Amino acid sequence: MDVYKVREAKPEEQRELTRLCVRATMHAGHDEAFIDRTMPALTITVPLLSANCVQVAENGTNEVVGVVAVTPTALQGIAQLYGLYVDPTHWKRGIGRVLFGAAVARAKGIKAGALVITAEPSAEGFYKRMGAIRIGEGPFYLSPETILPSLLYVFPRQT
């Protein structure tokens, strides 16, 4: 099994990371019209990077193979998984699990005890395997015909 390291994303990686998000979304079965409508949600923004909300996973050759962003919410103790994307050429190698672990660590770092996740429908099973529970669903605000599952991951108690 490959070893992946997680590090803070750099502002100069903004375009590369956004392209990774687009590739992953297209590979999940969405067309260019969907990508065009939802580009604001797929964009890793400079403010996200400047606020240290974004981390990347690198493989052994220091190639960026995934990205995750976690942001605080207005609800005390709850962080939002803003996005988790793995480059499609690296799917099914454990990178998503590594990035999810980094997301949990980041959320704990901002004093959260839970992550709220609005998932791509095909990723719902992944988040459930990580321990998240489905708490509802709703239309994607940028593409209302797309119904997205909402999940909650409550951090296990430390003993």
Protein backbone atom coordinates (compact mmCIF):
# COMPACT_ATOMS: atom_id res chain seq x y z
CA MET A 1 0.00 0.00 0.00
CA ASP A 2 1.26 3.44 -0.91
CA VAL A 3 2.02 6.02 1.74
CA TYR A 4 0.55 9.48 1.32
CA LYS A 5 1.49 12.58 3.22
CA VAL A 6 -0.85 15.47 3.90
CA ARG A 7 0.34 19.06 3.96
CA GLU A 8 -1.07 22.56 3.83
CA ALA A 9 -2.01 23.70 0.35
CA LYS A 10 -0.07 26.60 -1.11
CA PRO A 11 -1.75 29.67 -2.67
CA GLU A 12 0.11 29.10 -5.94
CA GLU A 13 -1.60 25.67 -6.22
CA GLN A 14 -5.09 27.22 -6.43
CA ARG A 15 -5.60 26.58 -10.16
CA GLU A 16 -4.13 23.08 -10.06
CA LEU A 17 -6.35 22.12 -7.11
CA THR A 18 -9.45 23.52 -8.78
CA ARG A 19 -8.65 21.49 -11.90
CA LEU A 20 -8.32 18.38 -9.72
CA CYS A 21 -11.81 19.06 -8.28
CA VAL A 22 -13.23 19.42 -11.80
CA ARG A 23 -11.57 16.19 -13.03
CA ALA A 24 -12.94 14.25 -10.07
CA THR A 25 -16.44 15.65 -10.57
CA MET A 26 -16.44 14.86 -14.30
CA HIS A 27 -15.17 11.35 -13.58
CA ALA A 28 -18.07 10.90 -11.14
CA GLY A 29 -20.38 11.18 -14.16
CA HIS A 30 -21.17 14.88 -14.53
CA ASP A 31 -21.06 16.68 -17.87
CA GLU A 32 -19.52 20.01 -18.83
CA ALA A 33 -22.85 21.86 -18.43
CA PHE A 34 -23.00 20.68 -14.81
CA ILE A 35 -19.37 21.72 -14.27
CA ASP A 36 -20.11 25.18 -15.70
CA ARG A 37 -23.12 25.64 -13.37
CA THR A 38 -21.30 24.42 -10.29
CA MET A 39 -17.87 25.96 -10.81
CA PRO A 40 -18.22 28.23 -7.73
CA ALA A 41 -18.49 25.13 -5.51
CA LEU A 42 -15.61 23.36 -7.26
CA THR A 43 -13.20 26.27 -7.01
CA ILE A 44 -10.51 26.19 -4.35
CA THR A 45 -10.44 29.89 -3.61
CA VAL A 46 -7.60 32.09 -2.42
CA PRO A 47 -9.60 32.98 0.74
CA LEU A 48 -9.91 29.26 1.58
CA LEU A 49 -6.18 28.85 1.07
CA SER A 50 -5.33 32.00 3.03
CA ALA A 51 -7.48 30.83 5.95
CA ASN A 52 -5.55 27.52 6.09
CA CYS A 53 -8.69 25.53 5.32
CA VAL A 54 -7.15 23.46 2.51
CA GLN A 55 -4.80 20.49 2.68
CA VAL A 56 -3.44 18.26 -0.04
CA ALA A 57 -2.35 14.64 -0.20
CA GLU A 58 0.89 13.84 -1.99
CA ASN A 59 2.21 10.49 -3.12
CA GLY A 60 5.79 9.31 -2.74
CA THR A 61 6.94 11.43 -5.69
CA ASN A 62 5.38 14.60 -4.19
CA GLU A 63 2.60 14.62 -6.79
CA VAL A 64 -0.64 16.16 -5.49
CA VAL A 65 -3.25 13.39 -5.68
CA GLY A 66 -6.07 14.82 -3.56
CA VAL A 67 -7.41 17.86 -1.79
CA VAL A 68 -9.64 18.46 1.23
CA ALA A 69 -11.07 21.65 2.70
CA VAL A 70 -12.68 22.08 6.11
CA THR A 71 -14.31 25.30 7.23
CA PRO A 72 -15.87 26.45 10.48
CA THR A 73 -19.63 27.00 10.61
CA ALA A 74 -21.81 29.36 12.60
CA LEU A 75 -22.81 26.39 14.78
CA GLN A 76 -20.50 25.92 17.73
CA GLY A 77 -18.77 22.56 17.65
CA ILE A 78 -19.61 21.77 14.02
CA ALA A 79 -17.23 22.14 11.08
CA GLN A 80 -18.11 21.72 7.41
CA LEU A 81 -16.36 19.40 5.02
CA TYR A 82 -16.23 21.95 2.21
CA GLY A 83 -14.86 19.40 -0.25
CA LEU A 84 -12.82 16.24 -0.59
CA TYR A 85 -11.55 15.29 -4.03
CA VAL A 86 -9.13 12.62 -5.22
CA ASP A 87 -7.61 12.74 -8.68
CA PRO A 88 -9.46 10.02 -10.64
CA THR A 89 -6.21 8.37 -11.78
CA HIS A 90 -5.55 7.65 -8.08
CA TRP A 91 -8.99 6.44 -6.96
CA LYS A 92 -9.29 3.29 -4.83
CA ARG A 93 -5.85 3.64 -3.24
CA GLY A 94 -6.77 4.86 0.25
CA ILE A 95 -6.25 8.56 -0.47
CA GLY A 96 -9.83 9.48 0.40
CA ARG A 97 -9.46 7.80 3.78
CA VAL A 98 -6.20 9.70 4.42
CA LEU A 99 -7.84 13.00 3.46
CA PHE A 100 -10.89 12.27 5.60
CA GLY A 101 -8.57 11.67 8.56
CA ALA A 102 -6.89 15.01 7.84
CA ALA A 103 -10.33 16.67 7.70
CA VAL A 104 -11.22 15.28 11.12
CA ALA A 105 -7.89 16.43 12.56
CA ARG A 106 -8.39 19.91 11.10
CA ALA A 107 -11.93 20.09 12.48
CA LYS A 108 -10.69 19.06 15.92
CA GLY A 109 -8.09 21.80 15.61
CA ILE A 110 -10.86 24.39 15.32
CA LYS A 111 -12.61 22.88 18.36
CA ALA A 112 -15.31 21.01 16.43
CA GLY A 113 -16.76 17.71 17.56
CA ALA A 114 -18.57 16.92 14.31
CA LEU A 115 -18.33 17.42 10.57
CA VAL A 116 -21.35 18.19 8.41
CA ILE A 117 -20.99 16.85 4.87
CA THR A 118 -23.00 17.61 1.76
CA ALA A 119 -21.87 14.84 -0.53
CA GLU A 120 -21.75 14.05 -4.20
CA PRO A 121 -24.35 11.24 -4.43
CA SER A 122 -21.79 8.67 -5.60
CA ALA A 123 -19.59 9.49 -2.56
CA GLU A 124 -22.28 8.85 0.06
CA GLY A 125 -21.16 5.24 0.53
CA PHE A 126 -17.58 6.37 1.17
CA TYR A 127 -18.65 8.76 3.92
CA LYS A 128 -20.87 6.09 5.49
CA ARG A 129 -17.88 3.72 5.53
CA MET A 130 -15.97 6.46 7.36
CA GLY A 131 -18.71 6.45 10.01
CA ALA A 132 -20.93 9.33 8.89
CA ILE A 133 -24.71 9.00 9.11
CA ARG A 134 -27.20 10.38 6.64
CA ILE A 135 -29.28 13.15 8.18
CA GLY A 136 -31.21 14.26 5.11
CA GLU A 137 -30.93 15.48 1.56
CA GLY A 138 -31.64 18.56 -0.49
CA PRO A 139 -31.22 20.17 -3.88
CA PHE A 140 -27.79 21.47 -4.83
CA TYR A 141 -28.20 25.25 -4.82
CA LEU A 142 -26.18 25.61 -8.05
CA SER A 143 -27.97 22.78 -9.84
CA PRO A 144 -31.38 22.21 -8.17
CA GLU A 145 -32.18 19.10 -10.19
CA THR A 146 -29.30 17.37 -8.39
CA ILE A 147 -30.26 16.05 -4.96
CA LEU A 148 -27.34 15.84 -2.54
CA PRO A 149 -27.27 13.72 0.61
CA SER A 150 -26.42 15.44 3.88
CA LEU A 151 -24.36 13.51 6.39
CA LEU A 152 -22.97 14.06 9.86
CA TYR A 153 -19.79 12.59 11.26
CA VAL A 154 -19.58 12.83 15.05
CA PHE A 155 -16.05 12.38 16.36
CA PRO A 156 -15.58 9.35 18.59
CA ARG A 157 -15.08 10.19 22.27
CA GLN A 158 -11.52 10.16 23.51
CA THR A 159 -11.08 7.78 26.44
